Amino acid sequence: MNPLTSVKGAIVTGVILALLIIVGIAEMGSAGLHFNEPSLARWIHILSGIMWIGLLYYFNVVQVPGLAAAAADKGGPGGAGVTKYIAPRALLWFRWGAVATWFTGFWYLAYGHQFMNALTLGGGGHDRYGLIIGLGMWLGTIMLFNVWVLIWPNQKKILGLVAATDEEKAKARKVASLASRTNFALSIPLILCMGSATHGLPF
């Protein structure tokens, strides 16, 4: 049976391939295979972040404009299929991807004794790494808050997962849309900070 015929099978295949690469590279070196906790935390952090931010970009660049176009197309098929089958599944991976990204980032910083440094923005800017990674951490924390406090509760009303009047749904659309667009905008400096903390700013 082909494992690539299901999402679960593809994930398992990817993890197995990654582990084979780890073992293969370890066998080629002189140090051998040993557990590297911060590298594991960073790997899962990046994977989770790709899932979270990838879906954030999908919502803002593809789904929301697509649903708006579907609503404007009076003779078209509409967006019911997307809101019934696609959006709830995407939101499931989106919100838990956000949680996994934040906690693995915390794990990585805590293991390296950098969490308080990041939390205080490098002691008020005295430590460059702490300042840059801390800005990214704070942006990510704001984005996580938006996901669970503003986007998801309002999306449940929009998708009919909880009872809501038409007026409540209209208000929920505005709040969820603004929170999602805020996260979309914040993700750009977030990625800058995460990539630049150890590799340097582009300018």
Protein backbone atom coordinates (compact mmCIF):
# COMPACT_ATOMS: atom_id res chain seq x y z
CA MET A 1 0.00 0.00 0.00
CA ASN A 2 1.31 3.42 -0.98
CA PRO A 3 1.75 5.62 2.14
CA LEU A 4 1.49 8.75 0.00
CA THR A 5 -2.22 8.18 -0.58
CA SER A 6 -3.04 9.68 2.85
CA VAL A 7 -1.94 12.73 4.83
CA LYS A 8 -0.95 10.56 7.80
CA GLY A 9 1.07 8.27 5.54
CA ALA A 10 2.88 11.23 3.96
CA ILE A 11 3.75 12.66 7.40
CA VAL A 12 5.06 9.29 8.61
CA THR A 13 7.06 8.89 5.39
CA GLY A 14 8.60 12.34 5.82
CA VAL A 15 9.57 11.67 9.43
CA ILE A 16 11.12 8.30 8.51
CA LEU A 17 13.12 9.92 5.69
CA ALA A 18 14.32 12.66 8.08
CA LEU A 19 15.39 10.04 10.65
CA LEU A 20 17.24 8.08 7.95
CA ILE A 21 19.11 11.26 7.01
CA ILE A 22 20.00 11.84 10.68
CA VAL A 23 21.28 8.27 11.09
CA GLY A 24 23.11 8.35 7.76
CA ILE A 25 24.93 11.59 8.53
CA ALA A 26 25.76 10.37 12.05
CA GLU A 27 27.27 7.18 10.62
CA MET A 28 29.46 9.24 8.26
CA GLY A 29 30.85 11.35 11.11
CA SER A 30 33.19 10.41 13.91
CA ALA A 31 30.92 11.56 16.76
CA GLY A 32 28.24 8.96 16.07
CA LEU A 33 24.53 9.23 16.88
CA HIS A 34 23.52 11.17 20.02
CA PHE A 35 20.35 12.96 21.13
CA ASN A 36 20.39 16.71 20.45
CA GLU A 37 17.44 18.25 22.30
CA PRO A 38 17.75 21.86 21.07
CA SER A 39 17.98 20.70 17.46
CA LEU A 40 14.86 18.57 17.94
CA ALA A 41 13.02 21.54 19.46
CA ARG A 42 14.12 23.80 16.62
CA TRP A 43 13.14 21.25 13.95
CA ILE A 44 9.62 20.80 15.38
CA HIS A 45 9.37 24.58 15.86
CA ILE A 46 10.12 25.16 12.18
CA LEU A 47 7.75 22.40 11.03
CA SER A 48 4.94 23.74 13.23
CA GLY A 49 5.63 27.30 12.12
CA ILE A 50 5.41 26.33 8.45
CA MET A 51 2.03 24.71 9.11
CA TRP A 52 0.75 27.71 11.08
CA ILE A 53 2.06 30.52 8.90
CA GLY A 54 1.40 28.57 5.69
CA LEU A 55 -2.28 28.29 6.59
CA LEU A 56 -2.35 31.94 7.69
CA TYR A 57 -1.10 32.89 4.21
CA TYR A 58 -3.59 30.51 2.59
CA PHE A 59 -6.50 32.11 4.46
CA ASN A 60 -5.45 35.68 3.66
CA VAL A 61 -4.19 35.25 0.11
CA VAL A 62 -6.44 32.46 -1.21
CA GLN A 63 -9.50 31.48 0.83
CA VAL A 64 -10.90 34.84 1.97
CA PRO A 65 -10.51 36.54 -1.45
CA GLY A 66 -11.83 33.36 -3.10
CA LEU A 67 -14.93 33.28 -0.90
CA ALA A 68 -15.51 36.98 -1.59
CA ALA A 69 -15.34 36.27 -5.33
CA ALA A 70 -17.70 33.31 -4.90
CA ALA A 71 -20.20 35.49 -3.02
CA ALA A 72 -20.08 38.12 -5.78
CA ASP A 73 -20.65 35.48 -8.50
CA LYS A 74 -24.44 35.21 -8.38
CA GLY A 75 -24.57 32.38 -10.91
CA GLY A 76 -21.63 30.47 -9.51
CA PRO A 77 -21.42 27.50 -7.14
CA GLY A 78 -20.86 29.67 -4.05
CA GLY A 79 -18.51 28.97 -1.18
CA ALA A 80 -20.57 26.47 0.82
CA GLY A 81 -18.21 23.58 0.08
CA VAL A 82 -15.23 25.55 1.32
CA THR A 83 -16.93 26.72 4.51
CA LYS A 84 -18.35 23.26 5.26
CA TYR A 85 -15.45 20.96 4.41
CA ILE A 86 -12.21 22.92 3.99
CA ALA A 87 -12.29 25.80 6.47
CA PRO A 88 -12.95 23.70 9.63
CA ARG A 89 -10.12 21.30 8.77
CA ALA A 90 -7.73 24.14 7.90
CA LEU A 91 -8.62 25.93 11.14
CA LEU A 92 -7.91 22.76 13.15
CA TRP A 93 -4.36 22.50 11.79
CA PHE A 94 -4.00 26.30 11.97
CA ARG A 95 -4.82 26.75 15.65
CA TRP A 96 -2.89 23.70 16.90
CA GLY A 97 0.03 24.59 14.63
CA ALA A 98 0.09 27.94 16.43
CA VAL A 99 0.21 26.22 19.84
CA ALA A 100 2.93 23.79 18.74
CA THR A 101 4.99 26.64 17.26
CA TRP A 102 4.82 28.74 20.42
CA PHE A 103 5.59 25.90 22.84
CA THR A 104 8.48 24.48 20.81
CA GLY A 105 9.89 28.01 20.56
CA PHE A 106 9.62 28.26 24.35
CA TRP A 107 11.26 24.82 24.68
CA TYR A 108 14.16 25.87 22.44
CA LEU A 109 14.75 29.17 24.27
CA ALA A 110 14.33 27.63 27.74
CA TYR A 111 16.81 24.84 26.96
CA GLY A 112 19.39 27.42 25.95
CA HIS A 113 18.62 29.60 29.01
CA GLN A 114 17.48 32.38 26.65
CA PHE A 115 13.78 32.66 27.49
CA MET A 116 14.14 35.51 30.02
CA ASN A 117 16.63 37.22 27.73
CA ALA A 118 14.05 37.09 24.92
CA LEU A 119 11.18 38.02 27.23
CA THR A 120 13.01 41.21 28.29
CA LEU A 121 14.11 41.96 24.69
CA GLY A 122 17.74 41.35 25.47
CA GLY A 123 17.64 43.27 28.74
CA GLY A 124 16.23 46.34 27.03
CA GLY A 125 18.40 46.01 23.93
CA HIS A 126 21.73 45.23 25.61
CA ASP A 127 21.92 41.76 24.03
CA ARG A 128 21.39 41.73 20.26
CA TYR A 129 20.27 38.09 20.05
CA GLY A 130 17.81 38.55 22.92
CA LEU A 131 16.44 41.72 21.32
CA ILE A 132 15.85 40.19 17.87
CA ILE A 133 14.58 36.78 18.99
CA GLY A 134 12.57 38.49 21.73
CA LEU A 135 10.81 40.73 19.22
CA GLY A 136 9.95 37.60 17.23
CA MET A 137 8.74 35.84 20.37
CA TRP A 138 6.51 38.75 21.37
CA LEU A 139 5.07 39.01 17.85
CA GLY A 140 4.38 35.25 17.93
CA THR A 141 2.73 35.55 21.34
CA ILE A 142 0.42 38.32 20.09
CA MET A 143 -0.40 36.17 17.07
CA LEU A 144 -1.14 33.13 19.25
CA PHE A 145 -3.47 35.28 21.37
CA ASN A 146 -5.26 36.45 18.22
CA VAL A 147 -5.70 32.87 16.99
CA TRP A 148 -7.31 31.54 20.16
CA VAL A 149 -9.08 34.63 21.56
CA LEU A 150 -10.22 36.46 18.41
CA ILE A 151 -10.03 34.26 15.30
CA TRP A 152 -11.19 30.80 16.44
CA PRO A 153 -14.14 31.83 18.68
CA ASN A 154 -15.48 34.07 15.91
CA GLN A 155 -14.86 31.49 13.18
CA LYS A 156 -17.00 29.03 15.14
CA LYS A 157 -19.90 31.49 14.82
CA ILE A 158 -19.20 32.14 11.12
CA LEU A 159 -19.04 28.42 10.27
CA GLY A 160 -22.15 27.59 12.31
CA LEU A 161 -20.26 25.45 14.83
CA VAL A 162 -21.91 27.49 17.60
CA ALA A 163 -25.30 29.19 17.46
CA ALA A 164 -25.20 32.85 16.41
CA THR A 165 -27.61 35.37 14.95
CA ASP A 166 -26.97 36.99 11.57
CA GLU A 167 -25.91 40.16 13.39
CA GLU A 168 -23.48 38.20 15.57
CA LYS A 169 -22.08 36.44 12.50
CA ALA A 170 -21.54 39.76 10.72
CA LYS A 171 -19.68 41.11 13.75
CA ALA A 172 -17.70 37.87 14.04
CA ARG A 173 -16.60 38.18 10.39
CA LYS A 174 -15.21 41.66 11.03
CA VAL A 175 -13.33 40.67 14.19
CA ALA A 176 -11.93 37.43 12.73
CA SER A 177 -10.93 39.15 9.48
CA LEU A 178 -9.14 42.01 11.22
CA ALA A 179 -7.35 39.65 13.62
CA SER A 180 -6.28 37.41 10.73
CA ARG A 181 -5.04 40.37 8.68
CA THR A 182 -3.18 41.64 11.75
CA ASN A 183 -1.46 38.26 12.09
CA PHE A 184 -0.69 38.26 8.36
CA ALA A 185 1.03 41.65 8.72
CA LEU A 186 2.83 40.67 11.94
CA SER A 187 4.13 37.44 10.37
CA ILE A 188 6.38 39.43 8.03
CA PRO A 189 8.53 41.04 10.77
CA LEU A 190 8.18 37.82 12.81
CA ILE A 191 9.89 35.80 10.07
CA LEU A 192 12.52 38.54 9.73
CA CYS A 193 13.33 38.29 13.45
CA MET A 194 13.35 34.49 13.56
CA GLY A 195 15.65 34.23 10.56
CA SER A 196 17.90 37.12 11.59
CA ALA A 197 18.53 36.32 15.26
CA THR A 198 21.51 34.10 14.44
CA HIS A 199 22.13 34.99 10.79
CA GLY A 200 22.02 38.80 10.88
CA LEU A 201 19.59 41.38 9.59
CA PRO A 202 19.46 41.87 5.80
CA PHE A 203 20.58 45.50 6.02
